[in-house]
PDB file of N, CA and C in Angstrom:
ATOM      1  N   MET A   1      13.575   7.114  -4.794  1.00  0.00           N
ATOM      2  CA  MET A   1      13.586   5.743  -5.235  1.00  0.00           C
ATOM      3  C   MET A   1      14.818   5.557  -6.120  1.00  0.00           C
ATOM      4  N   SER A   2      15.428   4.405  -6.023  1.00  0.00           N
ATOM      5  CA  SER A   2      16.628   4.132  -6.808  1.00  0.00           C
ATOM      6  C   SER A   2      16.301   4.024  -8.298  1.00  0.00           C
ATOM      7  N   THR A   3      17.329   4.152  -9.119  1.00  0.00           N
ATOM      8  CA  THR A   3      17.151   4.022 -10.567  1.00  0.00           C
ATOM      9  C   THR A   3      16.619   2.629 -10.912  1.00  0.00           C
ATOM     10  N   GLY A   4      17.153   1.591 -10.266  1.00  0.00           N
ATOM     11  CA  GLY A   4      16.678   0.232 -10.506  1.00  0.00           C
ATOM     12  C   GLY A   4      15.220   0.062 -10.124  1.00  0.00           C
ATOM     13  N   GLY A   5      14.799   0.679  -9.020  1.00  0.00           N
ATOM     14  CA  GLY A   5      13.398   0.617  -8.600  1.00  0.00           C
ATOM     15  C   GLY A   5      12.479   1.307  -9.591  1.00  0.00           C
ATOM     16  N   ARG A   6      12.904   2.465 -10.107  1.00  0.00           N
ATOM     17  CA  ARG A   6      12.090   3.169 -11.102  1.00  0.00           C
ATOM     18  C   ARG A   6      12.004   2.380 -12.405  1.00  0.00           C
ATOM     19  N   ALA A   7      13.048   1.620 -12.725  1.00  0.00           N
ATOM     20  CA  ALA A   7      13.064   0.838 -13.967  1.00  0.00           C
ATOM     21  C   ALA A   7      11.968  -0.222 -13.976  1.00  0.00           C
ATOM     22  N   TRP A   8      11.616  -0.776 -12.828  1.00  0.00           N
ATOM     23  CA  TRP A   8      10.572  -1.814 -12.767  1.00  0.00           C
ATOM     24  C   TRP A   8       9.260  -1.330 -13.382  1.00  0.00           C
ATOM     25  N   PHE A   9       8.956  -0.054 -13.241  1.00  0.00           N
ATOM     26  CA  PHE A   9       7.684   0.470 -13.730  1.00  0.00           C
ATOM     27  C   PHE A   9       7.672   0.653 -15.246  1.00  0.00           C
ATOM     28  N   THR A  10       8.808   0.465 -15.901  1.00  0.00           N
ATOM     29  CA  THR A  10       8.855   0.556 -17.363  1.00  0.00           C
ATOM     30  C   THR A  10       8.834  -0.824 -18.015  1.00  0.00           C
ATOM     31  N   TRP A  11       8.838  -1.874 -17.218  1.00  0.00           N
ATOM     32  CA  TRP A  11       8.835  -3.235 -17.754  1.00  0.00           C
ATOM     33  C   TRP A  11       7.486  -3.576 -18.370  1.00  0.00           C
ATOM     34  N   PRO A  12       7.443  -4.657 -19.170  1.00  0.00           N
ATOM     35  CA  PRO A  12       6.163  -5.108 -19.732  1.00  0.00           C
ATOM     36  C   PRO A  12       5.178  -5.492 -18.628  1.00  0.00           C
ATOM     37  N   THR A  13       3.909  -5.606 -18.976  1.00  0.00           N
ATOM     38  CA  THR A  13       2.849  -5.892 -18.013  1.00  0.00           C
ATOM     39  C   THR A  13       3.076  -7.215 -17.288  1.00  0.00           C
ATOM     40  N   SER A  14       3.005  -7.167 -15.978  1.00  0.00           N
ATOM     41  CA  SER A  14       3.172  -8.368 -15.158  1.00  0.00           C
ATOM     42  C   SER A  14       2.070  -9.375 -15.463  1.00  0.00           C
ATOM     43  N   GLY A  15       2.438 -10.647 -15.581  1.00  0.00           N
ATOM     44  CA  GLY A  15       1.466 -11.700 -15.830  1.00  0.00           C
ATOM     45  C   GLY A  15       1.255 -12.006 -17.295  1.00  0.00           C
ATOM     46  N   ASP A  16       1.718 -11.126 -18.189  1.00  0.00           N
ATOM     47  CA  ASP A  16       1.619 -11.402 -19.628  1.00  0.00           C
ATOM     48  C   ASP A  16       2.711 -12.397 -20.015  1.00  0.00           C
ATOM     49  N   PRO A  17       2.529 -13.113 -21.133  1.00  0.00           N
ATOM     50  CA  PRO A  17       3.587 -14.006 -21.601  1.00  0.00           C
ATOM     51  C   PRO A  17       4.881 -13.223 -21.830  1.00  0.00           C
ATOM     52  N   ARG A  18       5.987 -13.829 -21.469  1.00  0.00           N
ATOM     53  CA  ARG A  18       7.276 -13.146 -21.577  1.00  0.00           C
ATOM     54  C   ARG A  18       7.692 -13.018 -23.033  1.00  0.00           C
ATOM     55  N   ALA A  19       8.130 -11.816 -23.394  1.00  0.00           N
ATOM     56  CA  ALA A  19       8.618 -11.565 -24.750  1.00  0.00           C
ATOM     57  C   ALA A  19       9.994 -12.215 -24.913  1.00  0.00           C
ATOM     58  N   PRO A  20      10.264 -12.778 -26.079  1.00  0.00           N
ATOM     59  CA  PRO A  20      11.563 -13.423 -26.280  1.00  0.00           C
ATOM     60  C   PRO A  20      12.717 -12.413 -26.324  1.00  0.00           C
ATOM     61  N   ASP A  21      12.405 -11.153 -26.568  1.00  0.00           N
ATOM     62  CA  ASP A  21      13.429 -10.118 -26.679  1.00  0.00           C
ATOM     63  C   ASP A  21      13.639  -9.440 -25.325  1.00  0.00           C
ATOM     64  N   GLU A  22      14.838  -9.504 -24.791  1.00  0.00           N
ATOM     65  CA  GLU A  22      15.149  -8.877 -23.502  1.00  0.00           C
ATOM     66  C   GLU A  22      15.143  -7.349 -23.574  1.00  0.00           C
ATOM     67  N   ALA A  23      15.082  -6.794 -24.770  1.00  0.00           N
ATOM     68  CA  ALA A  23      15.046  -5.334 -24.922  1.00  0.00           C
ATOM     69  C   ALA A  23      13.789  -4.733 -24.298  1.00  0.00           C
ATOM     70  N   ALA A  24      12.758  -5.549 -24.099  1.00  0.00           N
ATOM     71  CA  ALA A  24      11.524  -5.062 -23.468  1.00  0.00           C
ATOM     72  C   ALA A  24      11.776  -4.601 -22.032  1.00  0.00           C
ATOM     73  N   PHE A  25      12.900  -5.034 -21.442  1.00  0.00           N
ATOM     74  CA  PHE A  25      13.232  -4.671 -20.059  1.00  0.00           C
ATOM     75  C   PHE A  25      14.295  -3.576 -19.985  1.00  0.00           C
ATOM     76  N   LYS A  26      14.631  -2.978 -21.117  1.00  0.00           N
ATOM     77  CA  LYS A  26      15.724  -1.996 -21.164  1.00  0.00           C
ATOM     78  C   LYS A  26      15.256  -0.607 -21.567  1.00  0.00           C
ATOM     79  N   HIS A  27      14.078  -0.179 -21.138  1.00  0.00           N
ATOM     80  CA  HIS A  27      13.581   1.158 -21.477  1.00  0.00           C
ATOM     81  C   HIS A  27      14.303   2.212 -20.642  1.00  0.00           C
ATOM     82  N   PRO A  28      14.417   3.439 -21.151  1.00  0.00           N
ATOM     83  CA  PRO A  28      15.043   4.501 -20.357  1.00  0.00           C
ATOM     84  C   PRO A  28      14.211   4.802 -19.108  1.00  0.00           C
ATOM     85  N   VAL A  29      14.901   5.131 -18.047  1.00  0.00           N
ATOM     86  CA  VAL A  29      14.253   5.412 -16.769  1.00  0.00           C
ATOM     87  C   VAL A  29      14.062   6.916 -16.626  1.00  0.00           C
ATOM     88  N   PRO A  30      12.830   7.376 -16.303  1.00  0.00           N
ATOM     89  CA  PRO A  30      12.602   8.811 -16.084  1.00  0.00           C
ATOM     90  C   PRO A  30      13.481   9.339 -14.960  1.00  0.00           C
ATOM     91  N   GLU A  31      14.042  10.509 -15.140  1.00  0.00           N
ATOM     92  CA  GLU A  31      14.912  11.120 -14.137  1.00  0.00           C
ATOM     93  C   GLU A  31      14.272  12.366 -13.542  1.00  0.00           C
ATOM     94  N   GLY A  32      14.629  12.677 -12.316  1.00  0.00           N
ATOM     95  CA  GLY A  32      14.248  13.921 -11.668  1.00  0.00           C
ATOM     96  C   GLY A  32      12.759  14.189 -11.615  1.00  0.00           C
ATOM     97  N   ALA A  33      12.367  15.386 -12.047  1.00  0.00           N
ATOM     98  CA  ALA A  33      10.986  15.846 -11.922  1.00  0.00           C
ATOM     99  C   ALA A  33      10.119  15.460 -13.111  1.00  0.00           C
ATOM    100  N   VAL A  34      10.596  14.562 -13.955  1.00  0.00           N
ATOM    101  CA  VAL A  34       9.796  14.097 -15.089  1.00  0.00           C
ATOM    102  C   VAL A  34       8.556  13.403 -14.528  1.00  0.00           C
ATOM    103  N   PRO A  35       7.374  13.622 -15.101  1.00  0.00           N
ATOM    104  CA  PRO A  35       6.178  12.953 -14.585  1.00  0.00           C
ATOM    105  C   PRO A  35       6.358  11.433 -14.546  1.00  0.00           C
ATOM    106  N   ALA A  36       5.742  10.819 -13.564  1.00  0.00           N
ATOM    107  CA  ALA A  36       5.857   9.368 -13.392  1.00  0.00           C
ATOM    108  C   ALA A  36       5.237   8.630 -14.573  1.00  0.00           C
ATOM    109  N   VAL A  37       5.752   7.421 -14.823  1.00  0.00           N
ATOM    110  CA  VAL A  37       5.176   6.595 -15.886  1.00  0.00           C
ATOM    111  C   VAL A  37       3.765   6.190 -15.465  1.00  0.00           C
ATOM    112  N   PRO A  38       2.856   5.929 -16.420  1.00  0.00           N
ATOM    113  CA  PRO A  38       1.453   5.640 -16.087  1.00  0.00           C
ATOM    114  C   PRO A  38       1.255   4.428 -15.177  1.00  0.00           C
ATOM    115  N   SER A  39       2.200   3.487 -15.168  1.00  0.00           N
ATOM    116  CA  SER A  39       2.025   2.290 -14.348  1.00  0.00           C
ATOM    117  C   SER A  39       2.473   2.491 -12.897  1.00  0.00           C
ATOM    118  N   PHE A  40       2.918   3.689 -12.535  1.00  0.00           N
ATOM    119  CA  PHE A  40       3.361   3.964 -11.171  1.00  0.00           C
ATOM    120  C   PHE A  40       2.219   4.520 -10.336  1.00  0.00           C
ATOM    121  N   ALA A  41       2.110   4.038  -9.104  1.00  0.00           N
ATOM    122  CA  ALA A  41       1.111   4.570  -8.168  1.00  0.00           C
ATOM    123  C   ALA A  41       1.752   4.656  -6.785  1.00  0.00           C
ATOM    124  N   LEU A  42       1.452   5.711  -6.087  1.00  0.00           N
ATOM    125  CA  LEU A  42       1.941   5.885  -4.727  1.00  0.00           C
ATOM    126  C   LEU A  42       0.788   5.665  -3.768  1.00  0.00           C
ATOM    127  N   VAL A  43       1.009   4.808  -2.779  1.00  0.00           N
ATOM    128  CA  VAL A  43      -0.021   4.506  -1.795  1.00  0.00           C
ATOM    129  C   VAL A  43       0.543   4.843  -0.422  1.00  0.00           C
ATOM    130  N   LEU A  44      -0.184   5.626   0.329  1.00  0.00           N
ATOM    131  CA  LEU A  44       0.213   5.969   1.691  1.00  0.00           C
ATOM    132  C   LEU A  44      -0.714   5.243   2.649  1.00  0.00           C
ATOM    133  N   VAL A  45      -0.137   4.383   3.473  1.00  0.00           N
ATOM    134  CA  VAL A  45      -0.912   3.606   4.434  1.00  0.00           C
ATOM    135  C   VAL A  45      -0.690   4.226   5.805  1.00  0.00           C
ATOM    136  N   ASP A  46      -1.763   4.565   6.479  1.00  0.00           N
ATOM    137  CA  ASP A  46      -1.699   5.175   7.807  1.00  0.00           C
ATOM    138  C   ASP A  46      -2.043   4.114   8.854  1.00  0.00           C
ATOM    139  N   ALA A  47      -1.090   3.229   9.127  1.00  0.00           N
ATOM    140  CA  ALA A  47      -1.332   2.117  10.059  1.00  0.00           C
ATOM    141  C   ALA A  47      -1.299   2.593  11.506  1.00  0.00           C
ATOM    142  N   GLN A  48      -2.253   2.117  12.281  1.00  0.00           N
ATOM    143  CA  GLN A  48      -2.301   2.409  13.710  1.00  0.00           C
ATOM    144  C   GLN A  48      -1.656   1.272  14.511  1.00  0.00           C
ATOM    145  N   SER A  49      -1.803   0.047  13.982  1.00  0.00           N
ATOM    146  CA  SER A  49      -1.187  -1.107  14.628  1.00  0.00           C
ATOM    147  C   SER A  49      -0.836  -2.135  13.559  1.00  0.00           C
ATOM    148  N   VAL A  50       0.173  -2.944  13.871  1.00  0.00           N
ATOM    149  CA  VAL A  50       0.639  -3.982  12.950  1.00  0.00           C
ATOM    150  C   VAL A  50       0.829  -5.252  13.763  1.00  0.00           C
ATOM    151  N   ASP A  51       0.231  -6.345  13.289  1.00  0.00           N
ATOM    152  CA  ASP A  51       0.400  -7.647  13.934  1.00  0.00           C
ATOM    153  C   ASP A  51       1.343  -8.495  13.102  1.00  0.00           C
ATOM    154  N   TYR A  52       2.244  -9.189  13.785  1.00  0.00           N
ATOM    155  CA  TYR A  52       3.137 -10.152  13.155  1.00  0.00           C
ATOM    156  C   TYR A  52       2.815 -11.495  13.770  1.00  0.00           C
ATOM    157  N   VAL A  53       2.417 -12.453  12.943  1.00  0.00           N
ATOM    158  CA  VAL A  53       2.035 -13.771  13.439  1.00  0.00           C
ATOM    159  C   VAL A  53       2.874 -14.818  12.727  1.00  0.00           C
ATOM    160  N   LEU A  54       3.572 -15.637  13.511  1.00  0.00           N
ATOM    161  CA  LEU A  54       4.332 -16.751  12.981  1.00  0.00           C
ATOM    162  C   LEU A  54       3.870 -17.982  13.745  1.00  0.00           C
ATOM    163  N   LEU A  55       2.853 -18.635  13.175  1.00  0.00           N
ATOM    164  CA  LEU A  55       2.280 -19.795  13.858  1.00  0.00           C
ATOM    165  C   LEU A  55       3.249 -20.960  13.808  1.00  0.00           C
ATOM    166  N   PRO A  56       3.304 -21.784  14.817  1.00  0.00           N
ATOM    167  CA  PRO A  56       2.362 -21.899  15.920  1.00  0.00           C
ATOM    168  C   PRO A  56       2.798 -21.179  17.189  1.00  0.00           C
ATOM    169  N   ASN A  57       3.950 -20.474  17.204  1.00  0.00           N
ATOM    170  CA  ASN A  57       4.420 -20.042  18.520  1.00  0.00           C
ATOM    171  C   ASN A  57       4.839 -18.585  18.673  1.00  0.00           C
ATOM    172  N   GLU A  58       4.583 -17.723  17.721  1.00  0.00           N
ATOM    173  CA  GLU A  58       5.013 -16.337  17.908  1.00  0.00           C
ATOM    174  C   GLU A  58       3.967 -15.363  17.378  1.00  0.00           C
ATOM    175  N   ARG A  59       3.695 -14.338  18.181  1.00  0.00           N
ATOM    176  CA  ARG A  59       2.809 -13.253  17.751  1.00  0.00           C
ATOM    177  C   ARG A  59       3.247 -11.980  18.467  1.00  0.00           C
ATOM    178  N   ARG A  60       3.371 -10.908  17.707  1.00  0.00           N
ATOM    179  CA  ARG A  60       3.749  -9.601  18.264  1.00  0.00           C
ATOM    180  C   ARG A  60       2.853  -8.545  17.655  1.00  0.00           C
ATOM    181  N   ARG A  61       2.649  -7.481  18.396  1.00  0.00           N
ATOM    182  CA  ARG A  61       1.877  -6.348  17.891  1.00  0.00           C
ATOM    183  C   ARG A  61       2.676  -5.072  18.154  1.00  0.00           C
ATOM    184  N   TRP A  62       2.709  -4.220  17.141  1.00  0.00           N
ATOM    185  CA  TRP A  62       3.282  -2.890  17.289  1.00  0.00           C
ATOM    186  C   TRP A  62       2.143  -1.902  17.151  1.00  0.00           C
ATOM    187  N   GLU A  63       2.021  -0.992  18.110  1.00  0.00           N
ATOM    188  CA  GLU A  63       0.984   0.041  18.066  1.00  0.00           C
ATOM    189  C   GLU A  63       1.644   1.407  18.077  1.00  0.00           C
ATOM    190  N   ARG A  64       1.125   2.273  17.216  1.00  0.00           N
ATOM    191  CA  ARG A  64       1.657   3.628  17.135  1.00  0.00           C
ATOM    192  C   ARG A  64       1.103   4.459  18.274  1.00  0.00           C
ATOM    193  N   GLU A  65       1.945   5.298  18.815  1.00  0.00           N
ATOM    194  CA  GLU A  65       1.517   6.184  19.897  1.00  0.00           C
ATOM    195  C   GLU A  65       0.385   7.072  19.395  1.00  0.00           C
ATOM    196  N   PRO A  66      -0.697   7.178  20.152  1.00  0.00           N
ATOM    197  CA  PRO A  66      -1.839   7.989  19.715  1.00  0.00           C
ATOM    198  C   PRO A  66      -1.442   9.447  19.487  1.00  0.00           C
ATOM    199  N   GLY A  67      -2.125  10.054  18.522  1.00  0.00           N
ATOM    200  CA  GLY A  67      -1.932  11.476  18.284  1.00  0.00           C
ATOM    201  C   GLY A  67      -0.942  11.832  17.197  1.00  0.00           C
ATOM    202  N   VAL A  68      -0.180  10.864  16.712  1.00  0.00           N
ATOM    203  CA  VAL A  68       0.776  11.155  15.648  1.00  0.00           C
ATOM    204  C   VAL A  68       0.230  10.575  14.363  1.00  0.00           C
ATOM    205  N   GLY A  69      -0.155  11.437  13.430  1.00  0.00           N
ATOM    206  CA  GLY A  69      -0.712  10.988  12.156  1.00  0.00           C
ATOM    207  C   GLY A  69       0.365  10.758  11.119  1.00  0.00           C
ATOM    208  N   ALA A  70       0.032  10.004  10.096  1.00  0.00           N
ATOM    209  CA  ALA A  70       0.990   9.695   9.038  1.00  0.00           C
ATOM    210  C   ALA A  70       1.451  10.960   8.314  1.00  0.00           C
ATOM    211  N   ASP A  71       0.552  11.939   8.120  1.00  0.00           N
ATOM    212  CA  ASP A  71       0.935  13.161   7.409  1.00  0.00           C
ATOM    213  C   ASP A  71       2.072  13.880   8.122  1.00  0.00           C
ATOM    214  N   ALA A  72       1.964  14.011   9.435  1.00  0.00           N
ATOM    215  CA  ALA A  72       2.995  14.692  10.206  1.00  0.00           C
ATOM    216  C   ALA A  72       4.284  13.882  10.230  1.00  0.00           C
ATOM    217  N   ALA A  73       4.157  12.563  10.310  1.00  0.00           N
ATOM    218  CA  ALA A  73       5.340  11.708  10.349  1.00  0.00           C
ATOM    219  C   ALA A  73       6.097  11.754   9.025  1.00  0.00           C
ATOM    220  N   VAL A  74       5.372  11.688   7.909  1.00  0.00           N
ATOM    221  CA  VAL A  74       6.009  11.714   6.594  1.00  0.00           C
ATOM    222  C   VAL A  74       6.688  13.056   6.381  1.00  0.00           C
ATOM    223  N   ALA A  75       6.072  14.124   6.818  1.00  0.00           N
ATOM    224  CA  ALA A  75       6.641  15.457   6.659  1.00  0.00           C
ATOM    225  C   ALA A  75       7.820  15.703   7.607  1.00  0.00           C
ATOM    226  N   GLY A  76       8.049  14.769   8.533  1.00  0.00           N
ATOM    227  CA  GLY A  76       9.141  14.920   9.482  1.00  0.00           C
ATOM    228  C   GLY A  76       8.839  15.890  10.601  1.00  0.00           C
ATOM    229  N   GLU A  77       7.575  16.251  10.762  1.00  0.00           N
ATOM    230  CA  GLU A  77       7.194  17.231  11.776  1.00  0.00           C
ATOM    231  C   GLU A  77       7.140  16.624  13.178  1.00  0.00           C
ATOM    232  N   GLU A  78       6.763  15.359  13.255  1.00  0.00           N
ATOM    233  CA  GLU A  78       6.653  14.706  14.555  1.00  0.00           C
ATOM    234  C   GLU A  78       7.297  13.332  14.494  1.00  0.00           C
ATOM    235  N   PRO A  79       8.034  12.949  15.531  1.00  0.00           N
ATOM    236  CA  PRO A  79       8.583  11.590  15.551  1.00  0.00           C
ATOM    237  C   PRO A  79       7.473  10.576  15.813  1.00  0.00           C
ATOM    238  N   VAL A  80       7.588   9.426  15.214  1.00  0.00           N
ATOM    239  CA  VAL A  80       6.602   8.366  15.414  1.00  0.00           C
ATOM    240  C   VAL A  80       7.185   7.357  16.384  1.00  0.00           C
ATOM    241  N   THR A  81       6.435   7.067  17.445  1.00  0.00           N
ATOM    242  CA  THR A  81       6.868   6.093  18.433  1.00  0.00           C
ATOM    243  C   THR A  81       5.965   4.880  18.355  1.00  0.00           C
ATOM    244  N   TRP A  82       6.580   3.710  18.198  1.00  0.00           N
ATOM    245  CA  TRP A  82       5.840   2.452  18.146  1.00  0.00           C
ATOM    246  C   TRP A  82       6.147   1.670  19.417  1.00  0.00           C
ATOM    247  N   HIS A  83       5.130   1.024  19.970  1.00  0.00           N
ATOM    248  CA  HIS A  83       5.277   0.194  21.161  1.00  0.00           C
ATOM    249  C   HIS A  83       5.046  -1.255  20.780  1.00  0.00           C
ATOM    250  N   GLU A  84       6.000  -2.102  21.139  1.00  0.00           N
ATOM    251  CA  GLU A  84       5.916  -3.532  20.796  1.00  0.00           C
ATOM    252  C   GLU A  84       5.402  -4.326  21.995  1.00  0.00           C
ATOM    253  N   GLN A  85       4.549  -5.300  21.713  1.00  0.00           N
ATOM    254  CA  GLN A  85       4.000  -6.153  22.758  1.00  0.00           C
ATOM    255  C   GLN A  85       3.967  -7.590  22.258  1.00  0.00           C
ATOM    256  N   GLU A  86       4.494  -8.518  23.060  1.00  0.00           N
ATOM    257  CA  GLU A  86       4.393  -9.926  22.731  1.00  0.00           C
ATOM    258  C   GLU A  86       3.006 -10.412  23.118  1.00  0.00           C
ATOM    259  N   LEU A  87       2.386 -11.222  22.253  1.00  0.00           N
ATOM    260  CA  LEU A  87       1.036 -11.723  22.479  1.00  0.00           C
ATOM    261  C   LEU A  87       1.033 -13.246  22.426  1.00  0.00           C
ATOM    262  N   ASN A  88      -0.001 -13.832  22.982  1.00  0.00           N
ATOM    263  CA  ASN A  88      -0.180 -15.271  22.847  1.00  0.00           C
ATOM    264  C   ASN A  88      -0.558 -15.569  21.400  1.00  0.00           C
ATOM    265  N   PRO A  89       0.002 -16.651  20.830  1.00  0.00           N
ATOM    266  CA  PRO A  89      -0.327 -16.953  19.429  1.00  0.00           C
ATOM    267  C   PRO A  89      -1.698 -17.448  19.261  1.00  0.00           C
TER     268      PRO A  89
END
């Protein structure tokens, strides 16, 4: 993740009133193997199919080739092949 991306997790709580001091957005960013800040979470989504719908006239579906799991794909052990299909909206 980029340095700028990691910096987002050090910002003040989202949805709270904005502090008048911009220094609240200038915290040091953890580098390398330093443990992640408490507000960081990693989520792994193992999608089998993805639908894209743009009403009123476009719909597409991408389906992952059976047998390839997210664990193997993330580890680079197996290539992931997706098949695209146009659908009626």
